[in-house]
PDB file of N, CA and C in Angstrom:
ATOM      1  N   MET A   1      84.321 -43.615  95.186  1.00  0.00           N
ATOM      2  CA  MET A   1      85.165 -44.197  94.152  1.00  0.00           C
ATOM      3  C   MET A   1      84.255 -44.656  93.012  1.00  0.00           C
ATOM      4  N   ARG A   2      84.652 -44.347  91.777  1.00  0.00           N
ATOM      5  CA  ARG A   2      83.826 -44.707  90.636  1.00  0.00           C
ATOM      6  C   ARG A   2      84.666 -45.424  89.608  1.00  0.00           C
ATOM      7  N   LEU A   3      84.037 -46.341  88.877  1.00  0.00           N
ATOM      8  CA  LEU A   3      84.735 -47.118  87.846  1.00  0.00           C
ATOM      9  C   LEU A   3      85.140 -46.231  86.686  1.00  0.00           C
ATOM     10  N   LEU A   4      84.245 -45.407  86.229  1.00  0.00           N
ATOM     11  CA  LEU A   4      84.529 -44.547  85.089  1.00  0.00           C
ATOM     12  C   LEU A   4      84.170 -43.112  85.425  1.00  0.00           C
ATOM     13  N   THR A   5      84.906 -42.197  84.863  1.00  0.00           N
ATOM     14  CA  THR A   5      84.495 -40.806  84.933  1.00  0.00           C
ATOM     15  C   THR A   5      83.554 -40.551  83.773  1.00  0.00           C
ATOM     16  N   ARG A   6      83.017 -39.392  83.703  1.00  0.00           N
ATOM     17  CA  ARG A   6      82.091 -39.062  82.608  1.00  0.00           C
ATOM     18  C   ARG A   6      82.815 -39.171  81.275  1.00  0.00           C
ATOM     19  N   LEU A   7      82.204 -39.844  80.337  1.00  0.00           N
ATOM     20  CA  LEU A   7      82.807 -40.062  79.025  1.00  0.00           C
ATOM     21  C   LEU A   7      82.226 -39.090  78.014  1.00  0.00           C
ATOM     22  N   LEU A   8      83.094 -38.447  77.290  1.00  0.00           N
ATOM     23  CA  LEU A   8      82.675 -37.624  76.166  1.00  0.00           C
ATOM     24  C   LEU A   8      83.378 -38.167  74.943  1.00  0.00           C
ATOM     25  N   VAL A   9      82.614 -38.611  73.978  1.00  0.00           N
ATOM     26  CA  VAL A   9      83.185 -39.269  72.821  1.00  0.00           C
ATOM     27  C   VAL A   9      83.022 -38.361  71.614  1.00  0.00           C
ATOM     28  N   SER A  10      84.111 -38.197  70.860  1.00  0.00           N
ATOM     29  CA  SER A  10      84.067 -37.345  69.678  1.00  0.00           C
ATOM     30  C   SER A  10      83.244 -37.990  68.582  1.00  0.00           C
ATOM     31  N   ARG A  11      83.049 -37.294  67.498  1.00  0.00           N
ATOM     32  CA  ARG A  11      82.235 -37.780  66.391  1.00  0.00           C
ATOM     33  C   ARG A  11      82.822 -39.052  65.790  1.00  0.00           C
ATOM     34  N   THR A  12      84.153 -39.202  65.800  1.00  0.00           N
ATOM     35  CA  THR A  12      84.768 -40.400  65.254  1.00  0.00           C
ATOM     36  C   THR A  12      84.639 -41.581  66.204  1.00  0.00           C
ATOM     37  N   ARG A  13      84.261 -41.308  67.424  1.00  0.00           N
ATOM     38  CA  ARG A  13      84.045 -42.317  68.460  1.00  0.00           C
ATOM     39  C   ARG A  13      85.324 -43.060  68.867  1.00  0.00           C
ATOM     40  N   THR A  14      86.467 -42.534  68.526  1.00  0.00           N
ATOM     41  CA  THR A  14      87.697 -43.182  68.964  1.00  0.00           C
ATOM     42  C   THR A  14      88.554 -42.259  69.819  1.00  0.00           C
ATOM     43  N   ASN A  15      88.194 -41.005  69.919  1.00  0.00           N
ATOM     44  CA  ASN A  15      88.936 -40.082  70.777  1.00  0.00           C
ATOM     45  C   ASN A  15      88.146 -39.863  72.057  1.00  0.00           C
ATOM     46  N   LEU A  16      88.727 -40.233  73.175  1.00  0.00           N
ATOM     47  CA  LEU A  16      88.048 -40.092  74.457  1.00  0.00           C
ATOM     48  C   LEU A  16      88.650 -38.934  75.228  1.00  0.00           C
ATOM     49  N   TYR A  17      87.787 -38.209  75.890  1.00  0.00           N
ATOM     50  CA  TYR A  17      88.245 -37.100  76.709  1.00  0.00           C
ATOM     51  C   TYR A  17      87.783 -37.350  78.128  1.00  0.00           C
ATOM     52  N   CYS A  18      88.697 -37.333  79.056  1.00  0.00           N
ATOM     53  CA  CYS A  18      88.389 -37.576  80.456  1.00  0.00           C
ATOM     54  C   CYS A  18      88.777 -36.319  81.224  1.00  0.00           C
ATOM     55  N   TYR A  19      87.789 -35.641  81.763  1.00  0.00           N
ATOM     56  CA  TYR A  19      88.078 -34.439  82.532  1.00  0.00           C
ATOM     57  C   TYR A  19      88.436 -34.846  83.948  1.00  0.00           C
ATOM     58  N   GLU A  20      89.628 -34.475  84.355  1.00  0.00           N
ATOM     59  CA  GLU A  20      90.094 -34.871  85.676  1.00  0.00           C
ATOM     60  C   GLU A  20      90.045 -33.695  86.628  1.00  0.00           C
ATOM     61  N   ASP A  21      89.571 -33.975  87.812  1.00  0.00           N
ATOM     62  CA  ASP A  21      89.593 -33.019  88.900  1.00  0.00           C
ATOM     63  C   ASP A  21      90.548 -33.594  89.930  1.00  0.00           C
ATOM     64  N   SER A  22      91.567 -32.844  90.288  1.00  0.00           N
ATOM     65  CA  SER A  22      92.599 -33.383  91.183  1.00  0.00           C
ATOM     66  C   SER A  22      92.025 -33.842  92.518  1.00  0.00           C
ATOM     67  N   ASP A  23      90.908 -33.291  92.935  1.00  0.00           N
ATOM     68  CA  ASP A  23      90.293 -33.698  94.194  1.00  0.00           C
ATOM     69  C   ASP A  23      89.320 -34.862  94.015  1.00  0.00           C
ATOM     70  N   TYR A  24      89.034 -35.223  92.768  1.00  0.00           N
ATOM     71  CA  TYR A  24      88.034 -36.256  92.498  1.00  0.00           C
ATOM     72  C   TYR A  24      88.500 -37.638  92.926  1.00  0.00           C
ATOM     73  N   TYR A  25      89.753 -37.978  92.624  1.00  0.00           N
ATOM     74  CA  TYR A  25      90.266 -39.316  92.906  1.00  0.00           C
ATOM     75  C   TYR A  25      90.801 -39.387  94.325  1.00  0.00           C
ATOM     76  N   SER A  26      90.477 -40.471  95.017  1.00  0.00           N
ATOM     77  CA  SER A  26      90.959 -40.632  96.378  1.00  0.00           C
ATOM     78  C   SER A  26      92.353 -41.254  96.406  1.00  0.00           C
ATOM     79  N   SER A  27      92.790 -41.874  95.289  1.00  0.00           N
ATOM     80  CA  SER A  27      94.112 -42.485  95.254  1.00  0.00           C
ATOM     81  C   SER A  27      94.596 -42.624  93.819  1.00  0.00           C
ATOM     82  N   ASP A  28      95.907 -42.832  93.663  1.00  0.00           N
ATOM     83  CA  ASP A  28      96.463 -43.075  92.336  1.00  0.00           C
ATOM     84  C   ASP A  28      95.948 -44.392  91.769  1.00  0.00           C
ATOM     85  N   GLU A  29      95.682 -45.366  92.638  1.00  0.00           N
ATOM     86  CA  GLU A  29      95.166 -46.666  92.199  1.00  0.00           C
ATOM     87  C   GLU A  29      93.800 -46.501  91.537  1.00  0.00           C
ATOM     88  N   GLU A  30      92.960 -45.674  92.138  1.00  0.00           N
ATOM     89  CA  GLU A  30      91.635 -45.431  91.567  1.00  0.00           C
ATOM     90  C   GLU A  30      91.762 -44.742  90.213  1.00  0.00           C
ATOM     91  N   LYS A  31      92.669 -43.791  90.105  1.00  0.00           N
ATOM     92  CA  LYS A  31      92.879 -43.088  88.843  1.00  0.00           C
ATOM     93  C   LYS A  31      93.355 -44.058  87.768  1.00  0.00           C
ATOM     94  N   THR A  32      94.266 -44.971  88.125  1.00  0.00           N
ATOM     95  CA  THR A  32      94.764 -45.969  87.184  1.00  0.00           C
ATOM     96  C   THR A  32      93.647 -46.885  86.716  1.00  0.00           C
ATOM     97  N   ARG A  33      92.773 -47.279  87.633  1.00  0.00           N
ATOM     98  CA  ARG A  33      91.658 -48.153  87.279  1.00  0.00           C
ATOM     99  C   ARG A  33      90.709 -47.432  86.323  1.00  0.00           C
ATOM    100  N   ASN A  34      90.453 -46.144  86.559  1.00  0.00           N
ATOM    101  CA  ASN A  34      89.599 -45.372  85.668  1.00  0.00           C
ATOM    102  C   ASN A  34      90.204 -45.286  84.281  1.00  0.00           C
ATOM    103  N   ILE A  35      91.498 -45.049  84.203  1.00  0.00           N
ATOM    104  CA  ILE A  35      92.169 -44.961  82.908  1.00  0.00           C
ATOM    105  C   ILE A  35      92.113 -46.304  82.198  1.00  0.00           C
ATOM    106  N   GLY A  36      92.286 -47.402  82.941  1.00  0.00           N
ATOM    107  CA  GLY A  36      92.179 -48.737  82.347  1.00  0.00           C
ATOM    108  C   GLY A  36      90.797 -48.977  81.758  1.00  0.00           C
ATOM    109  N   SER A  37      89.765 -48.520  82.436  1.00  0.00           N
ATOM    110  CA  SER A  37      88.401 -48.675  81.934  1.00  0.00           C
ATOM    111  C   SER A  37      88.192 -47.824  80.685  1.00  0.00           C
ATOM    112  N   LEU A  38      88.718 -46.621  80.685  1.00  0.00           N
ATOM    113  CA  LEU A  38      88.601 -45.758  79.503  1.00  0.00           C
ATOM    114  C   LEU A  38      89.339 -46.352  78.311  1.00  0.00           C
ATOM    115  N   LEU A  39      90.513 -46.933  78.566  1.00  0.00           N
ATOM    116  CA  LEU A  39      91.256 -47.552  77.474  1.00  0.00           C
ATOM    117  C   LEU A  39      90.505 -48.760  76.910  1.00  0.00           C
ATOM    118  N   LEU A  40      89.878 -49.534  77.768  1.00  0.00           N
ATOM    119  CA  LEU A  40      89.071 -50.662  77.293  1.00  0.00           C
ATOM    120  C   LEU A  40      87.903 -50.156  76.462  1.00  0.00           C
ATOM    121  N   TYR A  41      87.251 -49.093  76.917  1.00  0.00           N
ATOM    122  CA  TYR A  41      86.141 -48.507  76.176  1.00  0.00           C
ATOM    123  C   TYR A  41      86.615 -48.032  74.801  1.00  0.00           C
ATOM    124  N   LYS A  42      87.762 -47.393  74.758  1.00  0.00           N
ATOM    125  CA  LYS A  42      88.322 -46.913  73.491  1.00  0.00           C
ATOM    126  C   LYS A  42      88.635 -48.089  72.569  1.00  0.00           C
ATOM    127  N   GLU A  43      89.193 -49.154  73.127  1.00  0.00           N
ATOM    128  CA  GLU A  43      89.488 -50.354  72.333  1.00  0.00           C
ATOM    129  C   GLU A  43      88.198 -50.943  71.750  1.00  0.00           C
ATOM    130  N   CYS A  44      87.144 -50.986  72.560  1.00  0.00           N
ATOM    131  CA  CYS A  44      85.859 -51.498  72.071  1.00  0.00           C
ATOM    132  C   CYS A  44      85.348 -50.652  70.908  1.00  0.00           C
ATOM    133  N   LEU A  45      85.448 -49.334  71.032  1.00  0.00           N
ATOM    134  CA  LEU A  45      84.966 -48.459  69.968  1.00  0.00           C
ATOM    135  C   LEU A  45      85.772 -48.633  68.687  1.00  0.00           C
ATOM    136  N   LYS A  46      87.071 -48.812  68.817  1.00  0.00           N
ATOM    137  CA  LYS A  46      87.901 -49.028  67.624  1.00  0.00           C
ATOM    138  C   LYS A  46      87.529 -50.335  66.931  1.00  0.00           C
ATOM    139  N   LYS A  47      87.241 -51.361  67.713  1.00  0.00           N
ATOM    140  CA  LYS A  47      86.861 -52.642  67.120  1.00  0.00           C
ATOM    141  C   LYS A  47      85.469 -52.572  66.511  1.00  0.00           C
ATOM    142  N   ILE A  48      84.581 -51.788  67.099  1.00  0.00           N
ATOM    143  CA  ILE A  48      83.252 -51.610  66.525  1.00  0.00           C
ATOM    144  C   ILE A  48      83.366 -50.910  65.169  1.00  0.00           C
ATOM    145  N   ASP A  49      84.355 -50.047  65.018  1.00  0.00           N
ATOM    146  CA  ASP A  49      84.572 -49.376  63.730  1.00  0.00           C
ATOM    147  C   ASP A  49      84.861 -50.362  62.606  1.00  0.00           C
ATOM    148  N   LEU A  50      85.276 -51.591  62.926  1.00  0.00           N
ATOM    149  CA  LEU A  50      85.559 -52.606  61.916  1.00  0.00           C
ATOM    150  C   LEU A  50      84.289 -53.255  61.360  1.00  0.00           C
ATOM    151  N   LEU A  51      83.174 -53.066  62.052  1.00  0.00           N
ATOM    152  CA  LEU A  51      81.907 -53.644  61.621  1.00  0.00           C
ATOM    153  C   LEU A  51      81.307 -52.840  60.475  1.00  0.00           C
ATOM    154  N   ASP A  52      80.316 -53.438  59.815  1.00  0.00           N
ATOM    155  CA  ASP A  52      79.577 -52.723  58.775  1.00  0.00           C
ATOM    156  C   ASP A  52      78.882 -51.511  59.390  1.00  0.00           C
ATOM    157  N   LYS A  53      78.686 -50.489  58.583  1.00  0.00           N
ATOM    158  CA  LYS A  53      78.098 -49.229  59.062  1.00  0.00           C
ATOM    159  C   LYS A  53      76.730 -49.421  59.707  1.00  0.00           C
ATOM    160  N   GLU A  54      75.914 -50.314  59.159  1.00  0.00           N
ATOM    161  CA  GLU A  54      74.566 -50.486  59.704  1.00  0.00           C
ATOM    162  C   GLU A  54      74.572 -51.138  61.088  1.00  0.00           C
ATOM    163  N   LYS A  55      75.632 -51.843  61.438  1.00  0.00           N
ATOM    164  CA  LYS A  55      75.728 -52.481  62.756  1.00  0.00           C
ATOM    165  C   LYS A  55      76.425 -51.589  63.782  1.00  0.00           C
ATOM    166  N   GLN A  56      77.210 -50.646  63.320  1.00  0.00           N
ATOM    167  CA  GLN A  56      78.025 -49.831  64.214  1.00  0.00           C
ATOM    168  C   GLN A  56      77.207 -49.049  65.232  1.00  0.00           C
ATOM    169  N   ASN A  57      76.157 -48.385  64.797  1.00  0.00           N
ATOM    170  CA  ASN A  57      75.397 -47.536  65.710  1.00  0.00           C
ATOM    171  C   ASN A  57      74.826 -48.336  66.873  1.00  0.00           C
ATOM    172  N   TYR A  58      74.287 -49.524  66.582  1.00  0.00           N
ATOM    173  CA  TYR A  58      73.747 -50.370  67.655  1.00  0.00           C
ATOM    174  C   TYR A  58      74.833 -50.712  68.672  1.00  0.00           C
ATOM    175  N   TYR A  59      75.990 -51.134  68.189  1.00  0.00           N
ATOM    176  CA  TYR A  59      77.051 -51.561  69.106  1.00  0.00           C
ATOM    177  C   TYR A  59      77.730 -50.392  69.810  1.00  0.00           C
ATOM    178  N   TYR A  60      77.762 -49.207  69.194  1.00  0.00           N
ATOM    179  CA  TYR A  60      78.252 -48.017  69.911  1.00  0.00           C
ATOM    180  C   TYR A  60      77.372 -47.757  71.129  1.00  0.00           C
ATOM    181  N   ASN A  61      76.070 -47.777  70.917  1.00  0.00           N
ATOM    182  CA  ASN A  61      75.127 -47.537  72.014  1.00  0.00           C
ATOM    183  C   ASN A  61      75.182 -48.649  73.048  1.00  0.00           C
ATOM    184  N   TYR A  62      75.296 -49.887  72.582  1.00  0.00           N
ATOM    185  CA  TYR A  62      75.376 -51.027  73.495  1.00  0.00           C
ATOM    186  C   TYR A  62      76.620 -50.925  74.385  1.00  0.00           C
ATOM    187  N   ALA A  63      77.753 -50.592  73.782  1.00  0.00           N
ATOM    188  CA  ALA A  63      79.003 -50.473  74.550  1.00  0.00           C
ATOM    189  C   ALA A  63      78.901 -49.361  75.583  1.00  0.00           C
ATOM    190  N   ARG A  64      78.396 -48.212  75.174  1.00  0.00           N
ATOM    191  CA  ARG A  64      78.287 -47.093  76.101  1.00  0.00           C
ATOM    192  C   ARG A  64      77.337 -47.431  77.245  1.00  0.00           C
ATOM    193  N   ASP A  65      76.183 -48.012  76.937  1.00  0.00           N
ATOM    194  CA  ASP A  65      75.232 -48.398  77.981  1.00  0.00           C
ATOM    195  C   ASP A  65      75.842 -49.417  78.935  1.00  0.00           C
ATOM    196  N   SER A  66      76.611 -50.357  78.399  1.00  0.00           N
ATOM    197  CA  SER A  66      77.247 -51.376  79.235  1.00  0.00           C
ATOM    198  C   SER A  66      78.254 -50.760  80.192  1.00  0.00           C
ATOM    199  N   PHE A  67      79.040 -49.813  79.720  1.00  0.00           N
ATOM    200  CA  PHE A  67      80.006 -49.162  80.594  1.00  0.00           C
ATOM    201  C   PHE A  67      79.315 -48.264  81.618  1.00  0.00           C
ATOM    202  N   GLU A  68      78.305 -47.540  81.198  1.00  0.00           N
ATOM    203  CA  GLU A  68      77.606 -46.641  82.123  1.00  0.00           C
ATOM    204  C   GLU A  68      76.839 -47.399  83.201  1.00  0.00           C
ATOM    205  N   ALA A  69      76.453 -48.634  82.928  1.00  0.00           N
ATOM    206  CA  ALA A  69      75.704 -49.420  83.905  1.00  0.00           C
ATOM    207  C   ALA A  69      76.516 -49.698  85.168  1.00  0.00           C
ATOM    208  N   TYR A  70      77.834 -49.624  85.062  1.00  0.00           N
ATOM    209  CA  TYR A  70      78.697 -49.953  86.207  1.00  0.00           C
ATOM    210  C   TYR A  70      79.548 -48.776  86.645  1.00  0.00           C
ATOM    211  N   LEU A  71      79.042 -47.565  86.467  1.00  0.00           N
ATOM    212  CA  LEU A  71      79.800 -46.374  86.843  1.00  0.00           C
ATOM    213  C   LEU A  71      80.199 -46.347  88.315  1.00  0.00           C
ATOM    214  N   ASP A  72      79.343 -46.858  89.170  1.00  0.00           N
ATOM    215  CA  ASP A  72      79.594 -46.769  90.607  1.00  0.00           C
ATOM    216  C   ASP A  72      80.193 -48.035  91.209  1.00  0.00           C
ATOM    217  N   GLU A  73      80.644 -48.947  90.376  1.00  0.00           N
ATOM    218  CA  GLU A  73      81.225 -50.202  90.886  1.00  0.00           C
ATOM    219  C   GLU A  73      82.507 -49.898  91.655  1.00  0.00           C
ATOM    220  N   GLU A  74      82.626 -50.454  92.852  1.00  0.00           N
ATOM    221  CA  GLU A  74      83.792 -50.219  93.708  1.00  0.00           C
ATOM    222  C   GLU A  74      84.610 -51.469  93.966  1.00  0.00           C
ATOM    223  N   ASN A  75      84.010 -52.631  93.818  1.00  0.00           N
ATOM    224  CA  ASN A  75      84.682 -53.891  94.110  1.00  0.00           C
ATOM    225  C   ASN A  75      85.730 -54.175  93.036  1.00  0.00           C
ATOM    226  N   GLU A  76      87.006 -54.223  93.434  1.00  0.00           N
ATOM    227  CA  GLU A  76      88.096 -54.386  92.477  1.00  0.00           C
ATOM    228  C   GLU A  76      88.025 -55.715  91.726  1.00  0.00           C
ATOM    229  N   THR A  77      87.630 -56.772  92.404  1.00  0.00           N
ATOM    230  CA  THR A  77      87.497 -58.074  91.753  1.00  0.00           C
ATOM    231  C   THR A  77      86.414 -58.018  90.683  1.00  0.00           C
ATOM    232  N   ARG A  78      85.309 -57.394  91.015  1.00  0.00           N
ATOM    233  CA  ARG A  78      84.207 -57.263  90.059  1.00  0.00           C
ATOM    234  C   ARG A  78      84.625 -56.406  88.865  1.00  0.00           C
ATOM    235  N   ILE A  79      85.397 -55.369  89.099  1.00  0.00           N
ATOM    236  CA  ILE A  79      85.873 -54.507  88.015  1.00  0.00           C
ATOM    237  C   ILE A  79      86.744 -55.309  87.055  1.00  0.00           C
ATOM    238  N   GLU A  80      87.621 -56.140  87.602  1.00  0.00           N
ATOM    239  CA  GLU A  80      88.467 -56.990  86.751  1.00  0.00           C
ATOM    240  C   GLU A  80      87.609 -57.968  85.950  1.00  0.00           C
ATOM    241  N   GLU A  81      86.577 -58.539  86.581  1.00  0.00           N
ATOM    242  CA  GLU A  81      85.665 -59.438  85.874  1.00  0.00           C
ATOM    243  C   GLU A  81      84.959 -58.705  84.733  1.00  0.00           C
ATOM    244  N   LEU A  82      84.546 -57.478  84.988  1.00  0.00           N
ATOM    245  CA  LEU A  82      83.879 -56.683  83.953  1.00  0.00           C
ATOM    246  C   LEU A  82      84.822 -56.386  82.793  1.00  0.00           C
ATOM    247  N   HIS A  83      86.078 -56.094  83.104  1.00  0.00           N
ATOM    248  CA  HIS A  83      87.065 -55.847  82.047  1.00  0.00           C
ATOM    249  C   HIS A  83      87.250 -57.092  81.182  1.00  0.00           C
ATOM    250  N   GLU A  84      87.395 -58.246  81.808  1.00  0.00           N
ATOM    251  CA  GLU A  84      87.568 -59.489  81.063  1.00  0.00           C
ATOM    252  C   GLU A  84      86.329 -59.801  80.227  1.00  0.00           C
ATOM    253  N   HIS A  85      85.158 -59.606  80.812  1.00  0.00           N
ATOM    254  CA  HIS A  85      83.917 -59.858  80.082  1.00  0.00           C
ATOM    255  C   HIS A  85      83.797 -58.917  78.887  1.00  0.00           C
ATOM    256  N   GLY A  86      84.187 -57.665  79.056  1.00  0.00           N
ATOM    257  CA  GLY A  86      84.147 -56.704  77.951  1.00  0.00           C
ATOM    258  C   GLY A  86      85.049 -57.117  76.805  1.00  0.00           C
ATOM    259  N   LYS A  87      86.249 -57.588  77.132  1.00  0.00           N
ATOM    260  CA  LYS A  87      87.191 -58.038  76.098  1.00  0.00           C
ATOM    261  C   LYS A  87      86.650 -59.258  75.360  1.00  0.00           C
ATOM    262  N   MET A  88      86.079 -60.198  76.115  1.00  0.00           N
ATOM    263  CA  MET A  88      85.515 -61.400  75.495  1.00  0.00           C
ATOM    264  C   MET A  88      84.314 -61.040  74.623  1.00  0.00           C
ATOM    265  N   SER A  89      83.501 -60.109  75.076  1.00  0.00           N
ATOM    266  CA  SER A  89      82.295 -59.725  74.335  1.00  0.00           C
ATOM    267  C   SER A  89      82.633 -59.092  72.997  1.00  0.00           C
ATOM    268  N   ILE A  90      83.587 -58.173  72.982  1.00  0.00           N
ATOM    269  CA  ILE A  90      83.914 -57.510  71.713  1.00  0.00           C
ATOM    270  C   ILE A  90      84.559 -58.496  70.749  1.00  0.00           C
ATOM    271  N   ASN A  91      85.360 -59.410  71.251  1.00  0.00           N
ATOM    272  CA  ASN A  91      85.947 -60.436  70.378  1.00  0.00           C
ATOM    273  C   ASN A  91      84.874 -61.372  69.830  1.00  0.00           C
ATOM    274  N   TYR A  92      83.866 -61.680  70.651  1.00  0.00           N
ATOM    275  CA  TYR A  92      82.756 -62.504  70.185  1.00  0.00           C
ATOM    276  C   TYR A  92      81.980 -61.792  69.070  1.00  0.00           C
ATOM    277  N   ILE A  93      81.724 -60.514  69.257  1.00  0.00           N
ATOM    278  CA  ILE A  93      80.981 -59.757  68.244  1.00  0.00           C
ATOM    279  C   ILE A  93      81.740 -59.746  66.925  1.00  0.00           C
ATOM    280  N   LEU A  94      83.047 -59.545  66.983  1.00  0.00           N
ATOM    281  CA  LEU A  94      83.842 -59.549  65.754  1.00  0.00           C
ATOM    282  C   LEU A  94      83.800 -60.924  65.077  1.00  0.00           C
ATOM    283  N   SER A  95      83.900 -61.991  65.870  1.00  0.00           N
ATOM    284  CA  SER A  95      83.853 -63.328  65.274  1.00  0.00           C
ATOM    285  C   SER A  95      82.451 -63.657  64.754  1.00  0.00           C
ATOM    286  N   LYS A  96      81.433 -63.139  65.399  1.00  0.00           N
ATOM    287  CA  LYS A  96      80.052 -63.371  64.971  1.00  0.00           C
ATOM    288  C   LYS A  96      79.822 -62.845  63.554  1.00  0.00           C
ATOM    289  N   TYR A  97      80.420 -61.708  63.256  1.00  0.00           N
ATOM    290  CA  TYR A  97      80.249 -61.103  61.935  1.00  0.00           C
ATOM    291  C   TYR A  97      81.438 -61.365  61.012  1.00  0.00           C
ATOM    292  N   CYS A  98      82.285 -62.321  61.401  1.00  0.00           N
ATOM    293  CA  CYS A  98      83.438 -62.735  60.590  1.00  0.00           C
ATOM    294  C   CYS A  98      84.330 -61.558  60.206  1.00  0.00           C
ATOM    295  N   VAL A  99      84.626 -60.723  61.184  1.00  0.00           N
ATOM    296  CA  VAL A  99      85.489 -59.561  60.953  1.00  0.00           C
ATOM    297  C   VAL A  99      86.884 -59.903  61.465  1.00  0.00           C
ATOM    298  N   ASP A 100      87.872 -59.729  60.604  1.00  0.00           N
ATOM    299  CA  ASP A 100      89.252 -59.926  61.008  1.00  0.00           C
ATOM    300  C   ASP A 100      89.810 -58.617  61.537  1.00  0.00           C
ATOM    301  N   GLU A 101      90.505 -58.698  62.667  1.00  0.00           N
ATOM    302  CA  GLU A 101      91.159 -57.511  63.198  1.00  0.00           C
ATOM    303  C   GLU A 101      92.386 -57.235  62.339  1.00  0.00           C
ATOM    304  N   GLU A 102      92.590 -55.989  62.036  1.00  0.00           N
ATOM    305  CA  GLU A 102      93.720 -55.639  61.169  1.00  0.00           C
ATOM    306  C   GLU A 102      94.949 -55.328  61.956  1.00  0.00           C
TER     307      GLU A 102
END
């Protein structure tokens, strides 16, 4: 069981493609959790797009590295903690640079 499947991000960094193999997921719950993680990743990328251009590249790489660091996480409680931490982190970054969400 894996937290995220392989991520391929388009040039705009807001379109995510998740290649699914019907035999890859052991349950619908695992598939739902993977989709939730991908949606959080997509949300982070959209919010990073609100930053100045010179800051975007750093935070794109930071977000991707942060998500890839927990690819093999299986503990559901820990996954929920990571999701909450990710949401808090991106909101902190936006407030740090005084960016209003539109």
